[in-house]
Amino acid sequence: MDFVNRLGDMEITDPKAMRALAHPVRLAVLERLQRHGPATASQLSPHVGATPSVTSWHLRHLAGFGLVRDAEGAADRRERRWEAVARGFRFHAPADAEGTAAARALSWEMFARAAELPERWATDTDTEPGLEPAWRRLAGLANTRIVVTAEELAAIEDAMEAVLAPYVMRDPAQRPPGSRGVRLLRYALPETGESAADATGEAATGATGEDASDAPGTRA
């Protein structure tokens, strides 16, 4: 089954572009532009852990691979305003040594960046006075193990994106009152060396809300 890009993500297939993005400052720059909109290097600098001049260099590097561009309608040319080319990205590596290594490098950097989000959420958000009860009940973590084929996993991923797409693509003006940003972290971690015949059939485990021992929940 081929993946359908339902979320308007930029498709990255060039190993060199993956290598370029496999850097903590560049990932931070791109995420900041995607989440908060156009900005200059000076505006981005405090949020990405680099000086304005270094941030500007990283922006030009990202622009060289088509990941960012000059912001539309930027009237003041004294300092360039940049914007992300797309609201998100996904990557598919060619099945060769270079592509595999580049995809692995980018995956590792993304895993490292995502790993800090639950702890930051627990520290900055899930504290007193913290979340309202209605939101706290929905916050949490799930850890579920399934035994599937590659085609079935692809179908599951596509089904989840089909559910998320209307909310991801919705115009900000159409968001109902009471809406707030939520991060959903999705990991698909296939195991190695096991077939369905070897599976133990262990029950899936999960935790959500207040039953999760304060396990953090986030949404991308």
Protein backbone atom coordinates (compact mmCIF):
# COMPACT_ATOMS: atom_id res chain seq x y z
CA MET A 1 0.00 0.00 0.00
CA ASP A 2 1.33 3.44 -0.95
CA PHE A 3 1.09 6.19 1.63
CA VAL A 4 -1.27 9.03 0.79
CA ASN A 5 -0.02 12.46 1.81
CA ARG A 6 -3.20 13.75 3.45
CA LEU A 7 -1.58 16.48 5.57
CA GLY A 8 0.04 18.59 2.85
CA ASP A 9 3.56 17.66 3.94
CA MET A 10 6.60 18.31 1.82
CA GLU A 11 8.01 15.04 0.45
CA ILE A 12 11.79 14.72 0.88
CA THR A 13 13.57 12.03 -1.14
CA ASP A 14 17.01 13.58 -1.66
CA PRO A 15 19.53 12.10 0.83
CA LYS A 16 21.47 15.39 0.77
CA ALA A 17 18.35 17.26 1.92
CA MET A 18 17.86 14.71 4.71
CA ARG A 19 21.46 15.23 5.80
CA ALA A 20 20.95 18.99 5.75
CA LEU A 21 17.90 18.71 7.98
CA ALA A 22 19.53 16.24 10.39
CA HIS A 23 20.80 19.07 12.58
CA PRO A 24 19.27 20.32 15.84
CA VAL A 25 19.32 24.02 14.92
CA ARG A 26 17.89 23.46 11.44
CA LEU A 27 15.12 21.25 12.77
CA ALA A 28 14.35 23.88 15.41
CA VAL A 29 14.31 26.64 12.79
CA LEU A 30 11.98 24.72 10.50
CA GLU A 31 9.64 23.73 13.32
CA ARG A 32 9.47 27.32 14.57
CA LEU A 33 8.59 28.64 11.11
CA GLN A 34 5.99 25.92 10.57
CA ARG A 35 4.34 26.55 13.92
CA HIS A 36 4.57 30.33 14.28
CA GLY A 37 4.83 31.61 10.73
CA PRO A 38 7.34 33.88 8.99
CA ALA A 39 10.25 35.32 10.95
CA THR A 40 13.69 36.84 10.57
CA ALA A 41 16.92 35.24 11.70
CA SER A 42 17.04 37.65 14.66
CA GLN A 43 13.51 36.70 15.71
CA LEU A 44 14.30 32.98 15.44
CA SER A 45 17.65 33.17 17.20
CA PRO A 46 16.45 33.10 20.86
CA HIS A 47 14.30 30.04 20.17
CA VAL A 48 16.77 27.85 18.26
CA GLY A 49 19.95 28.11 20.32
CA ALA A 50 22.07 30.02 17.81
CA THR A 51 23.18 33.60 17.17
CA PRO A 52 21.37 35.60 14.47
CA SER A 53 24.31 35.22 12.08
CA VAL A 54 24.50 31.45 12.59
CA THR A 55 20.71 31.18 12.31
CA SER A 56 20.85 33.13 9.05
CA TRP A 57 23.46 30.68 7.72
CA HIS A 58 21.26 27.72 8.61
CA LEU A 59 18.28 29.39 6.94
CA ARG A 60 20.22 29.84 3.71
CA HIS A 61 21.30 26.21 3.90
CA LEU A 62 17.68 25.08 4.30
CA ALA A 63 16.65 27.35 1.43
CA GLY A 64 19.21 25.66 -0.79
CA PHE A 65 17.20 22.44 -0.45
CA GLY A 66 13.83 24.13 -0.91
CA LEU A 67 12.73 23.72 2.71
CA VAL A 68 12.32 27.46 3.45
CA ARG A 69 11.94 30.53 1.26
CA ASP A 70 11.54 34.30 1.45
CA ALA A 71 8.23 35.11 3.08
CA GLU A 72 5.49 36.30 0.78
CA GLY A 73 4.69 39.98 1.03
CA ALA A 74 7.87 40.86 2.94
CA ALA A 75 8.24 44.58 2.29
CA ASP A 76 11.31 45.38 4.40
CA ARG A 77 14.35 43.92 2.63
CA ARG A 78 16.85 45.14 5.24
CA GLU A 79 16.43 41.85 7.06
CA ARG A 80 15.03 38.82 5.28
CA ARG A 81 11.84 37.26 6.56
CA TRP A 82 11.64 33.55 6.00
CA GLU A 83 8.79 31.07 5.86
CA ALA A 84 8.48 27.29 5.71
CA VAL A 85 7.57 25.93 2.29
CA ALA A 86 5.05 23.48 3.80
CA ARG A 87 3.27 22.93 7.12
CA GLY A 88 5.22 19.69 7.65
CA PHE A 89 7.54 17.23 5.95
CA ARG A 90 8.02 13.52 5.51
CA PHE A 91 10.88 11.63 3.97
CA HIS A 92 11.30 8.47 1.94
CA ALA A 93 14.86 7.31 1.41
CA PRO A 94 16.06 5.53 -1.72
CA ALA A 95 16.90 1.90 -1.03
CA ASP A 96 20.66 2.35 -1.20
CA ALA A 97 23.42 2.83 1.37
CA GLU A 98 23.51 6.63 1.06
CA GLY A 99 19.75 7.01 1.32
CA THR A 100 19.47 4.60 4.24
CA ALA A 101 22.24 6.36 6.18
CA ALA A 102 20.76 9.81 5.53
CA ALA A 103 17.27 8.70 6.60
CA ARG A 104 18.69 7.12 9.73
CA ALA A 105 20.58 10.31 10.63
CA LEU A 106 17.44 12.42 10.23
CA SER A 107 15.35 9.90 12.16
CA TRP A 108 17.79 9.92 15.06
CA GLU A 109 17.77 13.72 15.21
CA MET A 110 13.97 13.79 15.12
CA PHE A 111 13.70 11.12 17.82
CA ALA A 112 16.11 13.10 20.01
CA ARG A 113 14.11 16.30 19.51
CA ALA A 114 10.76 14.62 20.18
CA ALA A 115 12.04 12.82 23.27
CA GLU A 116 12.20 16.04 25.28
CA LEU A 117 8.61 17.08 24.52
CA PRO A 118 6.82 14.87 27.10
CA GLU A 119 9.15 15.97 29.90
CA ARG A 120 8.75 19.62 28.90
CA TRP A 121 4.98 19.17 28.83
CA ALA A 122 4.97 17.59 32.28
CA THR A 123 7.13 20.40 33.64
CA ASP A 124 5.58 23.42 31.94
CA THR A 125 1.93 22.41 31.41
CA ASP A 126 0.96 19.55 33.70
CA THR A 127 1.65 21.54 36.88
CA GLU A 128 -0.50 23.48 39.32
CA PRO A 129 -2.85 25.08 38.54
CA GLY A 130 -2.25 23.05 35.38
CA LEU A 131 -4.85 21.79 32.98
CA GLU A 132 -8.57 21.97 33.51
CA PRO A 133 -10.14 18.59 34.44
CA ALA A 134 -11.71 18.10 31.00
CA TRP A 135 -8.31 18.48 29.29
CA ARG A 136 -6.46 16.45 31.92
CA ARG A 137 -8.77 13.49 31.36
CA LEU A 138 -7.79 13.49 27.68
CA ALA A 139 -4.06 13.89 28.27
CA GLY A 140 -1.92 10.79 28.53
CA LEU A 141 0.20 8.16 26.90
CA ALA A 142 -0.60 4.90 25.14
CA ASN A 143 1.86 2.08 24.50
CA THR A 144 0.26 -0.59 22.37
CA ARG A 145 1.93 -3.57 20.70
CA ILE A 146 0.37 -5.16 17.64
CA VAL A 147 1.41 -7.92 15.21
CA VAL A 148 0.79 -6.87 11.61
CA THR A 149 2.19 -7.05 8.10
CA ALA A 150 3.90 -4.07 6.50
CA GLU A 151 0.78 -3.51 4.38
CA GLU A 152 -1.46 -3.54 7.44
CA LEU A 153 0.78 -1.05 9.25
CA ALA A 154 0.64 1.23 6.22
CA ALA A 155 -3.16 1.00 6.29
CA ILE A 156 -3.21 1.88 9.99
CA GLU A 157 -0.99 4.93 9.41
CA ASP A 158 -3.19 6.05 6.51
CA ALA A 159 -6.35 5.63 8.60
CA MET A 160 -4.90 7.74 11.41
CA GLU A 161 -3.94 10.49 8.97
CA ALA A 162 -7.44 10.36 7.48
CA VAL A 163 -8.85 11.10 10.95
CA LEU A 164 -6.34 13.88 11.65
CA ALA A 165 -6.39 15.59 8.24
CA PRO A 166 -9.58 17.68 8.74
CA TYR A 167 -8.14 19.16 11.94
CA VAL A 168 -4.64 19.71 10.53
CA MET A 169 -5.91 21.35 7.33
CA ARG A 170 -8.73 23.38 8.91
CA ASP A 171 -8.53 27.11 8.37
CA PRO A 172 -7.71 28.92 11.64
CA ALA A 173 -10.84 31.03 11.21
CA GLN A 174 -12.94 27.86 11.33
CA ARG A 175 -11.62 26.60 14.66
CA PRO A 176 -14.46 26.45 17.20
CA PRO A 177 -14.38 28.38 20.48
CA GLY A 178 -12.43 26.62 23.18
CA SER A 179 -9.88 25.11 20.78
CA ARG A 180 -6.27 24.85 21.88
CA GLY A 181 -3.07 23.37 20.53
CA VAL A 182 -2.47 19.69 21.30
CA ARG A 183 0.52 17.55 20.30
CA LEU A 184 0.01 13.94 19.25
CA LEU A 185 3.30 12.05 19.11
CA ARG A 186 3.05 8.96 16.91
CA TYR A 187 5.78 6.35 16.87
CA ALA A 188 5.74 3.24 14.69
CA LEU A 189 8.59 1.00 15.86
CA PRO A 190 8.66 -2.32 13.98
CA GLU A 191 10.48 -5.12 15.77
CA THR A 192 13.05 -7.32 14.04
CA GLY A 193 13.45 -11.07 13.77
CA GLU A 194 9.83 -11.97 14.50
CA SER A 195 7.03 -13.32 12.37
CA ALA A 196 3.38 -13.79 13.24
CA ALA A 197 4.16 -17.42 14.09
CA ASP A 198 6.65 -16.24 16.73
CA ALA A 199 4.34 -13.67 18.31
CA THR A 200 3.47 -14.19 21.95
CA GLY A 201 0.02 -12.71 21.58
CA GLU A 202 0.59 -10.46 24.57
CA ALA A 203 -2.19 -8.04 25.32
CA ALA A 204 -1.85 -4.46 24.20
CA THR A 205 -1.23 -2.06 27.03
CA GLY A 206 -2.15 1.57 27.21
CA ALA A 207 -2.69 4.44 29.58
CA THR A 208 -4.64 7.64 29.22
CA GLY A 209 -5.72 10.58 31.31
CA GLU A 210 -5.53 10.39 35.10
CA ASP A 211 -5.18 6.62 34.99
CA ALA A 212 -1.82 7.02 33.29
CA SER A 213 0.17 7.84 36.44
CA ASP A 214 0.60 11.33 35.03
CA ALA A 215 2.06 9.97 31.79
CA PRO A 216 2.46 12.93 29.43
CA GLY A 217 0.49 13.22 26.21
CA THR A 218 1.38 15.41 23.26
CA ARG A 219 0.27 16.17 19.71
CA ALA A 220 2.32 17.29 16.71
